[in-house]
Amino acid sequence: MENKLFKIEKKILDNLTDQEGIIYSEIRVSNNPLTIDELTKRDKFKPVYYDSIMHDDKIIHAEAIFLNTSNFYLYLSREDYNINSYEMKIYYKASDLNEVNFFIMGLKRLKQK
């Protein structure tokens, strides 16, 4: 059975390893409060990949990858275009773990609002 989440994960990780010569660490974030549309509007996140469809004159995203200004990657994915929430994985250099923890703590504060 085909995995419908994080469809290009292996390709992305292989590409990062080939480009930078390091292995990226990974954290899967449960109960992610962010959406692709929200991240697209934020200056701290640069989109590097979208998997989308056009429906009723509107672009709907199933997956996206963003590069954060702190140089870690956020990969948002959902199984179906009709699902409102996204699963999230963060790919980061092990030396940046503190920065990633700080980001995750900010997500927790967003969830509590």
N, C-alpha and C. Protein backbone atom coordinates (compact mmCIF):
# COMPACT_ATOMS: atom_id res chain seq x y z
N MET A 1 0.84 -1.19 0.00
CA MET A 1 0.00 0.00 0.00
C MET A 1 0.88 1.25 0.00
N GLU A 2 0.54 2.19 -0.83
CA GLU A 2 1.32 3.42 -0.97
C GLU A 2 1.11 4.34 0.23
N ASN A 3 2.20 4.89 0.76
CA ASN A 3 2.11 5.86 1.83
C ASN A 3 1.65 7.19 1.24
N LYS A 4 0.57 7.74 1.77
CA LYS A 4 0.02 8.98 1.24
C LYS A 4 0.59 10.21 1.95
N LEU A 5 1.30 10.02 3.04
CA LEU A 5 1.92 11.15 3.74
C LEU A 5 3.40 11.22 3.40
N PHE A 6 3.91 12.42 3.33
CA PHE A 6 5.35 12.66 3.11
C PHE A 6 5.86 11.87 1.90
N LYS A 7 5.20 12.08 0.77
CA LYS A 7 5.44 11.28 -0.43
C LYS A 7 6.86 11.41 -0.99
N ILE A 8 7.48 12.58 -0.85
CA ILE A 8 8.81 12.74 -1.44
C ILE A 8 9.90 12.82 -0.36
N GLU A 9 9.60 12.30 0.81
CA GLU A 9 10.54 12.40 1.94
C GLU A 9 11.92 11.83 1.61
N LYS A 10 11.98 10.64 1.07
CA LYS A 10 13.28 10.02 0.78
C LYS A 10 14.07 10.87 -0.22
N LYS A 11 13.40 11.36 -1.24
CA LYS A 11 14.05 12.19 -2.25
C LYS A 11 14.63 13.46 -1.61
N ILE A 12 13.86 14.10 -0.76
CA ILE A 12 14.32 15.34 -0.10
C ILE A 12 15.52 15.05 0.79
N LEU A 13 15.43 14.02 1.63
CA LEU A 13 16.53 13.70 2.54
C LEU A 13 17.79 13.31 1.78
N ASP A 14 17.64 12.54 0.71
CA ASP A 14 18.80 12.17 -0.11
C ASP A 14 19.43 13.41 -0.73
N ASN A 15 18.59 14.33 -1.21
CA ASN A 15 19.08 15.55 -1.84
C ASN A 15 19.84 16.42 -0.82
N LEU A 16 19.29 16.58 0.37
CA LEU A 16 19.96 17.38 1.40
C LEU A 16 21.30 16.76 1.79
N THR A 17 21.31 15.44 1.93
CA THR A 17 22.55 14.75 2.30
C THR A 17 23.60 14.91 1.19
N ASP A 18 23.17 14.78 -0.06
CA ASP A 18 24.10 14.93 -1.18
C ASP A 18 24.65 16.36 -1.28
N GLN A 19 23.78 17.35 -1.07
CA GLN A 19 24.19 18.75 -1.19
C GLN A 19 25.14 19.17 -0.08
N GLU A 20 24.83 18.78 1.14
CA GLU A 20 25.55 19.29 2.29
C GLU A 20 26.49 18.29 2.94
N GLY A 21 26.39 17.04 2.54
CA GLY A 21 27.29 16.03 3.09
C GLY A 21 27.03 15.68 4.54
N ILE A 22 25.85 16.01 5.05
CA ILE A 22 25.50 15.65 6.42
C ILE A 22 24.16 14.94 6.42
N ILE A 23 23.89 14.23 7.48
CA ILE A 23 22.60 13.57 7.66
C ILE A 23 21.72 14.48 8.52
N TYR A 24 20.53 14.76 8.05
CA TYR A 24 19.59 15.59 8.80
C TYR A 24 18.85 14.76 9.83
N SER A 25 18.64 15.35 11.00
CA SER A 25 17.81 14.73 12.03
C SER A 25 16.35 15.04 11.72
N GLU A 26 15.45 14.32 12.36
CA GLU A 26 14.02 14.46 12.06
C GLU A 26 13.20 14.43 13.34
N ILE A 27 12.22 15.32 13.41
CA ILE A 27 11.23 15.29 14.49
C ILE A 27 9.85 15.32 13.84
N ARG A 28 8.99 14.42 14.26
CA ARG A 28 7.60 14.44 13.81
C ARG A 28 6.79 15.19 14.86
N VAL A 29 6.07 16.20 14.43
CA VAL A 29 5.32 17.06 15.35
C VAL A 29 3.86 16.64 15.33
N SER A 30 3.35 16.23 16.49
CA SER A 30 1.94 15.85 16.56
C SER A 30 1.09 17.09 16.85
N ASN A 31 -0.14 17.05 16.44
CA ASN A 31 -1.09 18.14 16.65
C ASN A 31 -0.56 19.47 16.11
N ASN A 32 -0.05 19.46 14.91
CA ASN A 32 0.48 20.66 14.28
C ASN A 32 -0.63 21.68 14.04
N PRO A 33 -0.50 22.92 14.54
CA PRO A 33 -1.54 23.92 14.34
C PRO A 33 -1.38 24.75 13.05
N LEU A 34 -0.25 24.59 12.34
CA LEU A 34 0.03 25.43 11.17
C LEU A 34 -0.54 24.83 9.89
N THR A 35 -0.83 25.72 8.95
CA THR A 35 -1.24 25.28 7.62
C THR A 35 -0.23 25.80 6.59
N ILE A 36 -0.30 25.25 5.41
CA ILE A 36 0.59 25.70 4.34
C ILE A 36 0.31 27.15 3.98
N ASP A 37 -0.96 27.52 3.92
CA ASP A 37 -1.31 28.90 3.59
C ASP A 37 -0.75 29.88 4.63
N GLU A 38 -0.78 29.52 5.91
CA GLU A 38 -0.22 30.39 6.96
C GLU A 38 1.29 30.55 6.78
N LEU A 39 1.98 29.46 6.53
CA LEU A 39 3.44 29.53 6.39
C LEU A 39 3.84 30.32 5.14
N THR A 40 3.06 30.22 4.08
CA THR A 40 3.35 30.94 2.85
C THR A 40 3.37 32.45 3.09
N LYS A 41 2.57 32.92 4.03
CA LYS A 41 2.47 34.36 4.32
C LYS A 41 3.53 34.87 5.29
N ARG A 42 4.29 33.99 5.91
CA ARG A 42 5.28 34.40 6.91
C ARG A 42 6.65 34.59 6.28
N ASP A 43 7.30 35.69 6.67
CA ASP A 43 8.62 36.02 6.10
C ASP A 43 9.71 35.03 6.50
N LYS A 44 9.56 34.35 7.63
CA LYS A 44 10.60 33.45 8.12
C LYS A 44 10.62 32.10 7.40
N PHE A 45 9.68 31.89 6.49
CA PHE A 45 9.56 30.60 5.81
C PHE A 45 9.58 30.79 4.30
N LYS A 46 10.53 30.15 3.65
CA LYS A 46 10.65 30.21 2.19
C LYS A 46 10.17 28.88 1.62
N PRO A 47 9.15 28.91 0.76
CA PRO A 47 8.68 27.65 0.18
C PRO A 47 9.72 27.08 -0.78
N VAL A 48 9.93 25.77 -0.69
CA VAL A 48 10.86 25.09 -1.60
C VAL A 48 10.17 23.97 -2.40
N TYR A 49 8.93 23.63 -2.03
CA TYR A 49 8.21 22.56 -2.74
C TYR A 49 6.73 22.65 -2.41
N TYR A 50 5.87 22.47 -3.42
CA TYR A 50 4.42 22.34 -3.25
C TYR A 50 3.93 21.14 -4.05
N ASP A 51 2.96 20.42 -3.51
CA ASP A 51 2.19 19.42 -4.25
C ASP A 51 0.74 19.90 -4.13
N SER A 52 0.17 20.37 -5.23
CA SER A 52 -1.13 21.05 -5.19
C SER A 52 -2.02 20.63 -6.36
N ILE A 53 -3.29 20.97 -6.22
CA ILE A 53 -4.23 20.82 -7.33
C ILE A 53 -5.01 22.13 -7.46
N MET A 54 -5.59 22.33 -8.64
CA MET A 54 -6.47 23.47 -8.86
C MET A 54 -7.90 22.94 -8.79
N HIS A 55 -8.71 23.53 -7.91
CA HIS A 55 -10.09 23.09 -7.73
C HIS A 55 -10.98 24.32 -7.55
N ASP A 56 -11.99 24.45 -8.38
CA ASP A 56 -12.89 25.60 -8.31
C ASP A 56 -12.12 26.92 -8.29
N ASP A 57 -11.18 27.06 -9.20
CA ASP A 57 -10.36 28.28 -9.33
C ASP A 57 -9.56 28.62 -8.07
N LYS A 58 -9.25 27.61 -7.29
CA LYS A 58 -8.46 27.81 -6.08
C LYS A 58 -7.37 26.74 -6.02
N ILE A 59 -6.16 27.14 -5.64
CA ILE A 59 -5.07 26.18 -5.46
C ILE A 59 -5.19 25.56 -4.08
N ILE A 60 -5.20 24.24 -4.03
CA ILE A 60 -5.28 23.51 -2.76
C ILE A 60 -4.03 22.66 -2.63
N HIS A 61 -3.34 22.83 -1.50
CA HIS A 61 -2.07 22.13 -1.27
C HIS A 61 -2.26 20.85 -0.47
N ALA A 62 -1.62 19.79 -0.92
CA ALA A 62 -1.59 18.54 -0.15
C ALA A 62 -0.30 18.47 0.66
N GLU A 63 0.79 18.97 0.07
CA GLU A 63 2.08 18.93 0.74
C GLU A 63 2.87 20.19 0.40
N ALA A 64 3.77 20.54 1.32
CA ALA A 64 4.70 21.64 1.06
C ALA A 64 5.90 21.48 1.97
N ILE A 65 7.02 22.00 1.48
CA ILE A 65 8.24 22.03 2.28
C ILE A 65 8.72 23.48 2.32
N PHE A 66 9.07 23.93 3.51
CA PHE A 66 9.54 25.29 3.72
C PHE A 66 10.91 25.26 4.38
N LEU A 67 11.75 26.21 4.00
CA LEU A 67 13.03 26.42 4.66
C LEU A 67 12.85 27.60 5.61
N ASN A 68 13.14 27.37 6.88
CA ASN A 68 13.05 28.40 7.91
C ASN A 68 14.32 29.25 7.89
N THR A 69 14.23 30.50 8.34
CA THR A 69 15.41 31.37 8.39
C THR A 69 16.49 30.81 9.32
N SER A 70 16.14 29.89 10.20
CA SER A 70 17.11 29.22 11.07
C SER A 70 17.70 27.98 10.40
N ASN A 71 17.41 27.79 9.11
CA ASN A 71 17.97 26.71 8.29
C ASN A 71 17.50 25.32 8.67
N PHE A 72 16.27 25.19 9.11
CA PHE A 72 15.68 23.86 9.20
C PHE A 72 14.46 23.82 8.29
N TYR A 73 14.08 22.61 7.92
CA TYR A 73 13.00 22.42 6.95
C TYR A 73 11.74 21.92 7.65
N LEU A 74 10.61 22.47 7.25
CA LEU A 74 9.30 22.00 7.71
C LEU A 74 8.62 21.32 6.53
N TYR A 75 8.18 20.10 6.75
CA TYR A 75 7.48 19.35 5.71
C TYR A 75 6.07 19.11 6.22
N LEU A 76 5.08 19.74 5.59
CA LEU A 76 3.68 19.57 5.94
C LEU A 76 3.03 18.67 4.90
N SER A 77 2.23 17.72 5.38
CA SER A 77 1.61 16.75 4.50
C SER A 77 0.25 16.33 5.04
N ARG A 78 -0.66 16.07 4.13
CA ARG A 78 -1.96 15.50 4.51
C ARG A 78 -2.33 14.44 3.49
N GLU A 79 -3.10 13.46 3.95
CA GLU A 79 -3.44 12.33 3.08
C GLU A 79 -4.41 12.69 1.98
N ASP A 80 -5.25 13.68 2.23
CA ASP A 80 -6.33 13.99 1.30
C ASP A 80 -6.54 15.50 1.27
N TYR A 81 -6.92 16.01 0.13
CA TYR A 81 -7.16 17.44 -0.01
C TYR A 81 -8.34 17.92 0.83
N ASN A 82 -9.20 17.03 1.24
CA ASN A 82 -10.37 17.40 2.03
C ASN A 82 -10.09 17.47 3.54
N ILE A 83 -8.93 17.03 3.96
CA ILE A 83 -8.56 17.08 5.38
C ILE A 83 -7.99 18.47 5.66
N ASN A 84 -8.42 19.08 6.76
CA ASN A 84 -8.00 20.45 7.06
C ASN A 84 -6.64 20.55 7.74
N SER A 85 -6.24 19.57 8.51
CA SER A 85 -4.99 19.67 9.25
C SER A 85 -3.86 18.93 8.53
N TYR A 86 -2.63 19.31 8.87
CA TYR A 86 -1.45 18.73 8.26
C TYR A 86 -0.58 18.04 9.30
N GLU A 87 0.01 16.93 8.91
CA GLU A 87 1.07 16.32 9.69
C GLU A 87 2.34 17.12 9.40
N MET A 88 3.25 17.19 10.37
CA MET A 88 4.48 17.95 10.16
C MET A 88 5.70 17.17 10.59
N LYS A 89 6.75 17.27 9.77
CA LYS A 89 8.07 16.78 10.15
C LYS A 89 9.03 17.95 10.02
N ILE A 90 9.99 17.99 10.92
CA ILE A 90 11.04 19.01 10.87
C ILE A 90 12.36 18.29 10.64
N TYR A 91 13.10 18.74 9.64
CA TYR A 91 14.42 18.20 9.34
C TYR A 91 15.44 19.27 9.70
N TYR A 92 16.46 18.89 10.46
CA TYR A 92 17.40 19.88 10.99
C TYR A 92 18.77 19.24 11.20
N LYS A 93 19.77 20.10 11.27
CA LYS A 93 21.11 19.65 11.62
C LYS A 93 21.13 19.42 13.13
N ALA A 94 21.77 18.36 13.57
CA ALA A 94 21.78 18.02 15.00
C ALA A 94 22.27 19.19 15.84
N SER A 95 23.16 19.99 15.32
CA SER A 95 23.68 21.14 16.07
C SER A 95 22.63 22.23 16.28
N ASP A 96 21.51 22.16 15.55
CA ASP A 96 20.45 23.16 15.66
C ASP A 96 19.27 22.70 16.52
N LEU A 97 19.46 21.66 17.30
CA LEU A 97 18.36 21.11 18.10
C LEU A 97 17.73 22.15 19.03
N ASN A 98 18.52 23.01 19.67
CA ASN A 98 17.96 24.02 20.57
C ASN A 98 17.04 24.98 19.83
N GLU A 99 17.43 25.38 18.64
CA GLU A 99 16.60 26.29 17.83
C GLU A 99 15.29 25.61 17.45
N VAL A 100 15.35 24.34 17.12
CA VAL A 100 14.15 23.58 16.76
C VAL A 100 13.24 23.43 17.99
N ASN A 101 13.82 23.15 19.15
CA ASN A 101 13.02 23.07 20.38
C ASN A 101 12.30 24.38 20.66
N PHE A 102 12.98 25.50 20.46
CA PHE A 102 12.38 26.81 20.65
C PHE A 102 11.19 26.98 19.71
N PHE A 103 11.34 26.57 18.46
CA PHE A 103 10.26 26.65 17.48
C PHE A 103 9.07 25.79 17.91
N ILE A 104 9.34 24.58 18.37
CA ILE A 104 8.26 23.67 18.80
C ILE A 104 7.53 24.23 20.00
N MET A 105 8.24 24.85 20.93
CA MET A 105 7.58 25.48 22.08
C MET A 105 6.63 26.59 21.61
N GLY A 106 7.02 27.31 20.58
CA GLY A 106 6.14 28.33 20.00
C GLY A 106 4.88 27.71 19.41
N LEU A 107 5.02 26.52 18.80
CA LEU A 107 3.84 25.82 18.28
C LEU A 107 2.88 25.44 19.40
N LYS A 108 3.45 25.01 20.53
CA LYS A 108 2.60 24.65 21.68
C LYS A 108 1.78 25.84 22.15
N ARG A 109 2.40 27.03 22.15
CA ARG A 109 1.67 28.24 22.55
C ARG A 109 0.56 28.54 21.56
N LEU A 110 0.80 28.32 20.27
CA LEU A 110 -0.26 28.53 19.26
C LEU A 110 -1.43 27.59 19.49
N LYS A 111 -1.14 26.34 19.84
CA LYS A 111 -2.19 25.35 20.07
C LYS A 111 -3.07 25.72 21.26
N GLN A 112 -2.48 26.38 22.25
CA GLN A 112 -3.21 26.71 23.47
C GLN A 112 -4.15 27.89 23.28
N LYS A 113 -3.98 28.66 22.22
CA LYS A 113 -4.84 29.83 21.99
C LYS A 113 -6.20 29.45 21.49
